[in-house]
Amino acid sequence: MDLESIEDLYENALMMANGESLEYRGLTVKKAEWPHPEHTEYAVFNEDDEKVESLTVSAYDSVDDLQGYLDEIADYGPEDLEGWLNRGEDLE
């Protein structure tokens, strides 16, 4: 299945095969292998193919919530997962 939008990702997250992905604002959101079928785990990679976040798509209340979080990641532009997780330290 080709994902063309965040809406496609949100609506089809449970049905996607491992490795299927969506490109969004320089990020790649790719379904990861996850042993718990009640959750849908996706890895988020930056333009350098560095993992910057893991998401459970089904945990978001709406497409807008998911898109807002992805926009926050894209706006921040972390170099890697550590950079994203420690972003609050930059604000102090």
PDB file of N, CA and C in Angstrom:
ATOM      1  N   MET A   1       0.857  -1.179   0.000  1.00  0.00           N
ATOM      2  CA  MET A   1       0.000   0.000   0.000  1.00  0.00           C
ATOM      3  C   MET A   1       0.897   1.235   0.000  1.00  0.00           C
ATOM      4  N   ASP A   2       0.620   2.162  -0.887  1.00  0.00           N
ATOM      5  CA  ASP A   2       1.350   3.413  -0.920  1.00  0.00           C
ATOM      6  C   ASP A   2       0.682   4.418   0.005  1.00  0.00           C
ATOM      7  N   LEU A   3       1.473   4.985   0.891  1.00  0.00           N
ATOM      8  CA  LEU A   3       0.964   6.019   1.785  1.00  0.00           C
ATOM      9  C   LEU A   3       1.194   7.371   1.121  1.00  0.00           C
ATOM     10  N   GLU A   4       0.132   8.104   0.925  1.00  0.00           N
ATOM     11  CA  GLU A   4       0.239   9.386   0.257  1.00  0.00           C
ATOM     12  C   GLU A   4       0.077  10.559   1.204  1.00  0.00           C
ATOM     13  N   SER A   5      -0.404  10.289   2.407  1.00  0.00           N
ATOM     14  CA  SER A   5      -0.656  11.384   3.336  1.00  0.00           C
ATOM     15  C   SER A   5      -0.654  10.869   4.770  1.00  0.00           C
ATOM     16  N   ILE A   6      -0.611  11.807   5.682  1.00  0.00           N
ATOM     17  CA  ILE A   6      -0.699  11.440   7.095  1.00  0.00           C
ATOM     18  C   ILE A   6      -2.049  10.797   7.384  1.00  0.00           C
ATOM     19  N   GLU A   7      -3.086  11.222   6.682  1.00  0.00           N
ATOM     20  CA  GLU A   7      -4.400  10.610   6.860  1.00  0.00           C
ATOM     21  C   GLU A   7      -4.354   9.127   6.508  1.00  0.00           C
ATOM     22  N   ASP A   8      -3.654   8.788   5.401  1.00  0.00           N
ATOM     23  CA  ASP A   8      -3.498   7.381   5.024  1.00  0.00           C
ATOM     24  C   ASP A   8      -2.782   6.605   6.131  1.00  0.00           C
ATOM     25  N   LEU A   9      -1.719   7.186   6.647  1.00  0.00           N
ATOM     26  CA  LEU A   9      -0.965   6.535   7.718  1.00  0.00           C
ATOM     27  C   LEU A   9      -1.855   6.303   8.928  1.00  0.00           C
ATOM     28  N   TYR A  10      -2.557   7.339   9.345  1.00  0.00           N
ATOM     29  CA  TYR A  10      -3.388   7.260  10.540  1.00  0.00           C
ATOM     30  C   TYR A  10      -4.506   6.217  10.379  1.00  0.00           C
ATOM     31  N   GLU A  11      -5.163   6.223   9.229  1.00  0.00           N
ATOM     32  CA  GLU A  11      -6.303   5.333   9.007  1.00  0.00           C
ATOM     33  C   GLU A  11      -5.896   3.885   8.766  1.00  0.00           C
ATOM     34  N   ASN A  12      -4.689   3.669   8.265  1.00  0.00           N
ATOM     35  CA  ASN A  12      -4.262   2.324   7.888  1.00  0.00           C
ATOM     36  C   ASN A  12      -3.107   1.790   8.732  1.00  0.00           C
ATOM     37  N   ALA A  13      -2.789   2.451   9.827  1.00  0.00           N
ATOM     38  CA  ALA A  13      -1.595   2.109  10.613  1.00  0.00           C
ATOM     39  C   ALA A  13      -1.558   0.646  11.029  1.00  0.00           C
ATOM     40  N   LEU A  14      -2.665   0.101  11.453  1.00  0.00           N
ATOM     41  CA  LEU A  14      -2.687  -1.281  11.915  1.00  0.00           C
ATOM     42  C   LEU A  14      -2.499  -2.286  10.788  1.00  0.00           C
ATOM     43  N   MET A  15      -2.899  -1.922   9.582  1.00  0.00           N
ATOM     44  CA  MET A  15      -2.864  -2.848   8.450  1.00  0.00           C
ATOM     45  C   MET A  15      -1.557  -2.802   7.667  1.00  0.00           C
ATOM     46  N   MET A  16      -0.704  -1.841   7.946  1.00  0.00           N
ATOM     47  CA  MET A  16       0.514  -1.682   7.170  1.00  0.00           C
ATOM     48  C   MET A  16       1.495  -2.811   7.468  1.00  0.00           C
ATOM     49  N   ALA A  17       2.257  -3.186   6.455  1.00  0.00           N
ATOM     50  CA  ALA A  17       3.294  -4.203   6.637  1.00  0.00           C
ATOM     51  C   ALA A  17       4.562  -3.540   7.171  1.00  0.00           C
ATOM     52  N   ASN A  18       5.367  -4.291   7.886  1.00  0.00           N
ATOM     53  CA  ASN A  18       6.638  -3.763   8.376  1.00  0.00           C
ATOM     54  C   ASN A  18       7.444  -3.216   7.205  1.00  0.00           C
ATOM     55  N   GLY A  19       8.040  -2.060   7.413  1.00  0.00           N
ATOM     56  CA  GLY A  19       8.866  -1.443   6.386  1.00  0.00           C
ATOM     57  C   GLY A  19       8.146  -0.445   5.510  1.00  0.00           C
ATOM     58  N   GLU A  20       6.814  -0.479   5.487  1.00  0.00           N
ATOM     59  CA  GLU A  20       6.097   0.511   4.682  1.00  0.00           C
ATOM     60  C   GLU A  20       6.255   1.875   5.334  1.00  0.00           C
ATOM     61  N   SER A  21       6.296   2.918   4.498  1.00  0.00           N
ATOM     62  CA  SER A  21       6.642   4.221   5.054  1.00  0.00           C
ATOM     63  C   SER A  21       5.934   5.369   4.348  1.00  0.00           C
ATOM     64  N   LEU A  22       6.058   6.516   4.987  1.00  0.00           N
ATOM     65  CA  LEU A  22       5.523   7.775   4.479  1.00  0.00           C
ATOM     66  C   LEU A  22       6.622   8.819   4.587  1.00  0.00           C
ATOM     67  N   GLU A  23       6.816   9.583   3.526  1.00  0.00           N
ATOM     68  CA  GLU A  23       7.742  10.708   3.551  1.00  0.00           C
ATOM     69  C   GLU A  23       6.934  11.955   3.918  1.00  0.00           C
ATOM     70  N   TYR A  24       7.445  12.711   4.907  1.00  0.00           N
ATOM     71  CA  TYR A  24       6.731  13.910   5.349  1.00  0.00           C
ATOM     72  C   TYR A  24       7.732  14.942   5.842  1.00  0.00           C
ATOM     73  N   ARG A  25       7.811  16.065   5.168  1.00  0.00           N
ATOM     74  CA  ARG A  25       8.637  17.210   5.561  1.00  0.00           C
ATOM     75  C   ARG A  25      10.079  16.815   5.920  1.00  0.00           C
ATOM     76  N   GLY A  26      10.686  15.985   5.106  1.00  0.00           N
ATOM     77  CA  GLY A  26      12.055  15.575   5.347  1.00  0.00           C
ATOM     78  C   GLY A  26      12.189  14.430   6.326  1.00  0.00           C
ATOM     79  N   LEU A  27      11.086  13.937   6.832  1.00  0.00           N
ATOM     80  CA  LEU A  27      11.080  12.792   7.739  1.00  0.00           C
ATOM     81  C   LEU A  27      10.564  11.567   6.998  1.00  0.00           C
ATOM     82  N   THR A  28      11.022  10.409   7.418  1.00  0.00           N
ATOM     83  CA  THR A  28      10.470   9.149   6.944  1.00  0.00           C
ATOM     84  C   THR A  28       9.850   8.461   8.147  1.00  0.00           C
ATOM     85  N   VAL A  29       8.559   8.160   8.042  1.00  0.00           N
ATOM     86  CA  VAL A  29       7.831   7.471   9.109  1.00  0.00           C
ATOM     87  C   VAL A  29       7.620   6.049   8.614  1.00  0.00           C
ATOM     88  N   LYS A  30       8.333   5.100   9.247  1.00  0.00           N
ATOM     89  CA  LYS A  30       8.361   3.719   8.750  1.00  0.00           C
ATOM     90  C   LYS A  30       7.857   2.760   9.809  1.00  0.00           C
ATOM     91  N   LYS A  31       6.967   1.850   9.393  1.00  0.00           N
ATOM     92  CA  LYS A  31       6.456   0.852  10.336  1.00  0.00           C
ATOM     93  C   LYS A  31       7.583  -0.089  10.741  1.00  0.00           C
ATOM     94  N   ALA A  32       7.738  -0.239  12.038  1.00  0.00           N
ATOM     95  CA  ALA A  32       8.798  -1.069  12.596  1.00  0.00           C
ATOM     96  C   ALA A  32       8.233  -2.410  13.043  1.00  0.00           C
ATOM     97  N   GLU A  33       9.113  -3.404  13.128  1.00  0.00           N
ATOM     98  CA  GLU A  33       8.687  -4.675  13.703  1.00  0.00           C
ATOM     99  C   GLU A  33       8.389  -4.447  15.169  1.00  0.00           C
ATOM    100  N   TRP A  34       7.252  -4.895  15.614  1.00  0.00           N
ATOM    101  CA  TRP A  34       6.834  -4.683  16.990  1.00  0.00           C
ATOM    102  C   TRP A  34       6.034  -5.902  17.405  1.00  0.00           C
ATOM    103  N   PRO A  35       6.409  -6.575  18.476  1.00  0.00           N
ATOM    104  CA  PRO A  35       5.787  -7.850  18.839  1.00  0.00           C
ATOM    105  C   PRO A  35       4.403  -7.734  19.485  1.00  0.00           C
ATOM    106  N   HIS A  36       3.888  -6.535  19.646  1.00  0.00           N
ATOM    107  CA  HIS A  36       2.590  -6.360  20.306  1.00  0.00           C
ATOM    108  C   HIS A  36       1.539  -5.925  19.277  1.00  0.00           C
ATOM    109  N   PRO A  37       0.679  -6.823  18.834  1.00  0.00           N
ATOM    110  CA  PRO A  37      -0.272  -6.504  17.755  1.00  0.00           C
ATOM    111  C   PRO A  37      -1.306  -5.448  18.122  1.00  0.00           C
ATOM    112  N   GLU A  38      -1.491  -5.166  19.401  1.00  0.00           N
ATOM    113  CA  GLU A  38      -2.477  -4.149  19.783  1.00  0.00           C
ATOM    114  C   GLU A  38      -1.934  -2.733  19.585  1.00  0.00           C
ATOM    115  N   HIS A  39      -0.649  -2.605  19.285  1.00  0.00           N
ATOM    116  CA  HIS A  39      -0.037  -1.304  19.048  1.00  0.00           C
ATOM    117  C   HIS A  39       0.606  -1.282  17.670  1.00  0.00           C
ATOM    118  N   THR A  40       0.772  -0.100  17.131  1.00  0.00           N
ATOM    119  CA  THR A  40       1.436   0.072  15.844  1.00  0.00           C
ATOM    120  C   THR A  40       2.637   0.968  16.057  1.00  0.00           C
ATOM    121  N   GLU A  41       3.797   0.397  15.996  1.00  0.00           N
ATOM    122  CA  GLU A  41       5.025   1.130  16.258  1.00  0.00           C
ATOM    123  C   GLU A  41       5.653   1.585  14.941  1.00  0.00           C
ATOM    124  N   TYR A  42       5.963   2.863  14.892  1.00  0.00           N
ATOM    125  CA  TYR A  42       6.614   3.448  13.722  1.00  0.00           C
ATOM    126  C   TYR A  42       7.875   4.159  14.170  1.00  0.00           C
ATOM    127  N   ALA A  43       8.921   4.024  13.370  1.00  0.00           N
ATOM    128  CA  ALA A  43      10.168   4.738  13.615  1.00  0.00           C
ATOM    129  C   ALA A  43      10.173   5.973  12.717  1.00  0.00           C
ATOM    130  N   VAL A  44      10.685   7.070  13.247  1.00  0.00           N
ATOM    131  CA  VAL A  44      10.788   8.308  12.491  1.00  0.00           C
ATOM    132  C   VAL A  44      12.268   8.587  12.242  1.00  0.00           C
ATOM    133  N   PHE A  45      12.622   8.758  10.979  1.00  0.00           N
ATOM    134  CA  PHE A  45      14.000   9.012  10.581  1.00  0.00           C
ATOM    135  C   PHE A  45      14.113  10.398   9.962  1.00  0.00           C
ATOM    136  N   ASN A  46      15.266  11.052  10.184  1.00  0.00           N
ATOM    137  CA  ASN A  46      15.503  12.354   9.560  1.00  0.00           C
ATOM    138  C   ASN A  46      16.074  12.154   8.152  1.00  0.00           C
ATOM    139  N   GLU A  47      16.446  13.261   7.502  1.00  0.00           N
ATOM    140  CA  GLU A  47      16.955  13.187   6.135  1.00  0.00           C
ATOM    141  C   GLU A  47      18.265  12.410   6.033  1.00  0.00           C
ATOM    142  N   ASP A  48      19.012  12.304   7.132  1.00  0.00           N
ATOM    143  CA  ASP A  48      20.265  11.552   7.147  1.00  0.00           C
ATOM    144  C   ASP A  48      20.051  10.092   7.521  1.00  0.00           C
ATOM    145  N   ASP A  49      18.799   9.669   7.565  1.00  0.00           N
ATOM    146  CA  ASP A  49      18.407   8.306   7.909  1.00  0.00           C
ATOM    147  C   ASP A  49      18.784   7.936   9.342  1.00  0.00           C
ATOM    148  N   GLU A  50      18.839   8.946  10.219  1.00  0.00           N
ATOM    149  CA  GLU A  50      19.055   8.722  11.653  1.00  0.00           C
ATOM    150  C   GLU A  50      17.697   8.645  12.335  1.00  0.00           C
ATOM    151  N   LYS A  51      17.508   7.642  13.174  1.00  0.00           N
ATOM    152  CA  LYS A  51      16.253   7.517  13.915  1.00  0.00           C
ATOM    153  C   LYS A  51      16.174   8.642  14.940  1.00  0.00           C
ATOM    154  N   VAL A  52      15.043   9.354  14.929  1.00  0.00           N
ATOM    155  CA  VAL A  52      14.869  10.470  15.859  1.00  0.00           C
ATOM    156  C   VAL A  52      13.690  10.274  16.809  1.00  0.00           C
ATOM    157  N   GLU A  53      12.823   9.287  16.543  1.00  0.00           N
ATOM    158  CA  GLU A  53      11.664   9.079  17.410  1.00  0.00           C
ATOM    159  C   GLU A  53      11.011   7.741  17.087  1.00  0.00           C
ATOM    160  N   SER A  54      10.265   7.214  18.026  1.00  0.00           N
ATOM    161  CA  SER A  54       9.390   6.060  17.828  1.00  0.00           C
ATOM    162  C   SER A  54       7.984   6.506  18.187  1.00  0.00           C
ATOM    163  N   LEU A  55       7.029   6.117  17.385  1.00  0.00           N
ATOM    164  CA  LEU A  55       5.636   6.525  17.608  1.00  0.00           C
ATOM    165  C   LEU A  55       4.717   5.316  17.646  1.00  0.00           C
ATOM    166  N   THR A  56       3.712   5.391  18.469  1.00  0.00           N
ATOM    167  CA  THR A  56       2.593   4.459  18.412  1.00  0.00           C
ATOM    168  C   THR A  56       1.449   5.253  17.796  1.00  0.00           C
ATOM    169  N   VAL A  57       1.236   5.056  16.506  1.00  0.00           N
ATOM    170  CA  VAL A  57       0.270   5.867  15.760  1.00  0.00           C
ATOM    171  C   VAL A  57      -1.123   5.792  16.370  1.00  0.00           C
ATOM    172  N   SER A  58      -1.505   4.610  16.825  1.00  0.00           N
ATOM    173  CA  SER A  58      -2.851   4.445  17.378  1.00  0.00           C
ATOM    174  C   SER A  58      -3.034   5.186  18.705  1.00  0.00           C
ATOM    175  N   ALA A  59      -1.969   5.710  19.289  1.00  0.00           N
ATOM    176  CA  ALA A  59      -2.076   6.451  20.551  1.00  0.00           C
ATOM    177  C   ALA A  59      -2.541   7.898  20.344  1.00  0.00           C
ATOM    178  N   TYR A  60      -2.519   8.375  19.123  1.00  0.00           N
ATOM    179  CA  TYR A  60      -2.944   9.756  18.851  1.00  0.00           C
ATOM    180  C   TYR A  60      -4.446   9.805  18.677  1.00  0.00           C
ATOM    181  N   ASP A  61      -5.063  10.844  19.236  1.00  0.00           N
ATOM    182  CA  ASP A  61      -6.516  10.973  19.197  1.00  0.00           C
ATOM    183  C   ASP A  61      -7.050  11.351  17.830  1.00  0.00           C
ATOM    184  N   SER A  62      -6.218  11.964  17.002  1.00  0.00           N
ATOM    185  CA  SER A  62      -6.684  12.406  15.692  1.00  0.00           C
ATOM    186  C   SER A  62      -5.509  12.546  14.734  1.00  0.00           C
ATOM    187  N   VAL A  63      -5.824  12.657  13.472  1.00  0.00           N
ATOM    188  CA  VAL A  63      -4.819  12.915  12.439  1.00  0.00           C
ATOM    189  C   VAL A  63      -4.111  14.227  12.741  1.00  0.00           C
ATOM    190  N   ASP A  64      -4.858  15.229  13.182  1.00  0.00           N
ATOM    191  CA  ASP A  64      -4.264  16.542  13.489  1.00  0.00           C
ATOM    192  C   ASP A  64      -3.242  16.446  14.612  1.00  0.00           C
ATOM    193  N   ASP A  65      -3.514  15.626  15.634  1.00  0.00           N
ATOM    194  CA  ASP A  65      -2.562  15.442  16.731  1.00  0.00           C
ATOM    195  C   ASP A  65      -1.274  14.797  16.223  1.00  0.00           C
ATOM    196  N   LEU A  66      -1.410  13.770  15.397  1.00  0.00           N
ATOM    197  CA  LEU A  66      -0.245  13.099  14.828  1.00  0.00           C
ATOM    198  C   LEU A  66       0.547  14.061  13.946  1.00  0.00           C
ATOM    199  N   GLN A  67      -0.143  14.784  13.091  1.00  0.00           N
ATOM    200  CA  GLN A  67       0.527  15.728  12.206  1.00  0.00           C
ATOM    201  C   GLN A  67       1.225  16.827  13.002  1.00  0.00           C
ATOM    202  N   GLY A  68       0.592  17.302  14.046  1.00  0.00           N
ATOM    203  CA  GLY A  68       1.195  18.327  14.887  1.00  0.00           C
ATOM    204  C   GLY A  68       2.499  17.862  15.511  1.00  0.00           C
ATOM    205  N   TYR A  69       2.527  16.603  15.953  1.00  0.00           N
ATOM    206  CA  TYR A  69       3.739  16.070  16.558  1.00  0.00           C
ATOM    207  C   TYR A  69       4.841  15.904  15.508  1.00  0.00           C
ATOM    208  N   LEU A  70       4.473  15.409  14.335  1.00  0.00           N
ATOM    209  CA  LEU A  70       5.466  15.278  13.263  1.00  0.00           C
ATOM    210  C   LEU A  70       5.983  16.647  12.830  1.00  0.00           C
ATOM    211  N   ASP A  71       5.102  17.642  12.809  1.00  0.00           N
ATOM    212  CA  ASP A  71       5.534  19.009  12.486  1.00  0.00           C
ATOM    213  C   ASP A  71       6.525  19.522  13.525  1.00  0.00           C
ATOM    214  N   GLU A  72       6.275  19.209  14.789  1.00  0.00           N
ATOM    215  CA  GLU A  72       7.184  19.623  15.857  1.00  0.00           C
ATOM    216  C   GLU A  72       8.575  19.012  15.651  1.00  0.00           C
ATOM    217  N   ILE A  73       8.612  17.733  15.284  1.00  0.00           N
ATOM    218  CA  ILE A  73       9.889  17.076  15.019  1.00  0.00           C
ATOM    219  C   ILE A  73      10.576  17.721  13.817  1.00  0.00           C
ATOM    220  N   ALA A  74       9.830  17.906  12.735  1.00  0.00           N
ATOM    221  CA  ALA A  74      10.404  18.484  11.518  1.00  0.00           C
ATOM    222  C   ALA A  74      10.905  19.906  11.766  1.00  0.00           C
ATOM    223  N   ASP A  75      10.151  20.707  12.519  1.00  0.00           N
ATOM    224  CA  ASP A  75      10.558  22.078  12.819  1.00  0.00           C
ATOM    225  C   ASP A  75      11.832  22.113  13.652  1.00  0.00           C
ATOM    226  N   TYR A  76      11.959  21.184  14.587  1.00  0.00           N
ATOM    227  CA  TYR A  76      13.135  21.148  15.450  1.00  0.00           C
ATOM    228  C   TYR A  76      14.364  20.648  14.679  1.00  0.00           C
ATOM    229  N   GLY A  77      14.153  19.659  13.795  1.00  0.00           N
ATOM    230  CA  GLY A  77      15.229  19.121  12.985  1.00  0.00           C
ATOM    231  C   GLY A  77      16.325  18.417  13.755  1.00  0.00           C
ATOM    232  N   PRO A  78      15.975  17.452  14.609  1.00  0.00           N
ATOM    233  CA  PRO A  78      17.010  16.776  15.398  1.00  0.00           C
ATOM    234  C   PRO A  78      17.973  15.980  14.523  1.00  0.00           C
ATOM    235  N   GLU A  79      19.226  15.905  14.982  1.00  0.00           N
ATOM    236  CA  GLU A  79      20.234  15.131  14.261  1.00  0.00           C
ATOM    237  C   GLU A  79      20.121  13.641  14.540  1.00  0.00           C
ATOM    238  N   ASP A  80      19.602  13.307  15.727  1.00  0.00           N
ATOM    239  CA  ASP A  80      19.467  11.906  16.114  1.00  0.00           C
ATOM    240  C   ASP A  80      18.472  11.803  17.263  1.00  0.00           C
ATOM    241  N   LEU A  81      18.250  10.592  17.736  1.00  0.00           N
ATOM    242  CA  LEU A  81      17.283  10.359  18.813  1.00  0.00           C
ATOM    243  C   LEU A  81      17.679  11.099  20.083  1.00  0.00           C
ATOM    244  N   GLU A  82      18.942  11.068  20.418  1.00  0.00           N
ATOM    245  CA  GLU A  82      19.412  11.763  21.619  1.00  0.00           C
ATOM    246  C   GLU A  82      19.140  13.267  21.523  1.00  0.00           C
ATOM    247  N   GLY A  83      19.371  13.832  20.356  1.00  0.00           N
ATOM    248  CA  GLY A  83      19.114  15.259  20.164  1.00  0.00           C
ATOM    249  C   GLY A  83      17.650  15.609  20.353  1.00  0.00           C
ATOM    250  N   TRP A  84      16.767  14.735  19.890  1.00  0.00           N
ATOM    251  CA  TRP A  84      15.332  14.978  20.047  1.00  0.00           C
ATOM    252  C   TRP A  84      14.907  14.800  21.505  1.00  0.00           C
ATOM    253  N   LEU A  85      15.393  13.752  22.142  1.00  0.00           N
ATOM    254  CA  LEU A  85      15.002  13.500  23.526  1.00  0.00           C
ATOM    255  C   LEU A  85      15.537  14.557  24.480  1.00  0.00           C
ATOM    256  N   ASN A  86      16.645  15.168  24.152  1.00  0.00           N
ATOM    257  CA  ASN A  86      17.259  16.170  25.021  1.00  0.00           C
ATOM    258  C   ASN A  86      16.958  17.599  24.570  1.00  0.00           C
ATOM    259  N   ARG A  87      15.975  17.778  23.734  1.00  0.00           N
ATOM    260  CA  ARG A  87      15.664  19.096  23.192  1.00  0.00           C
ATOM    261  C   ARG A  87      15.287  20.113  24.272  1.00  0.00           C
ATOM    262  N   GLY A  88      14.712  19.668  25.363  1.00  0.00           N
ATOM    263  CA  GLY A  88      14.324  20.572  26.449  1.00  0.00           C
ATOM    264  C   GLY A  88      15.506  21.240  27.091  1.00  0.00           C
ATOM    265  N   GLU A  89      16.651  20.598  27.070  1.00  0.00           N
ATOM    266  CA  GLU A  89      17.858  21.176  27.645  1.00  0.00           C
ATOM    267  C   GLU A  89      18.284  22.432  26.874  1.00  0.00           C
ATOM    268  N   ASP A  90      17.976  22.485  25.586  1.00  0.00           N
ATOM    269  CA  ASP A  90      18.314  23.652  24.760  1.00  0.00           C
ATOM    270  C   ASP A  90      17.464  24.860  25.127  1.00  0.00           C
ATOM    271  N   LEU A  91      16.319  24.597  25.741  1.00  0.00           N
ATOM    272  CA  LEU A  91      15.395  25.686  26.057  1.00  0.00           C
ATOM    273  C   LEU A  91      15.674  26.312  27.405  1.00  0.00           C
ATOM    274  N   GLU A  92      16.511  25.687  28.218  1.00  0.00           N
ATOM    275  CA  GLU A  92      16.774  26.183  29.567  1.00  0.00           C
ATOM    276  C   GLU A  92      17.782  27.310  29.557  1.00  0.00           C
TER     277      GLU A  92
END
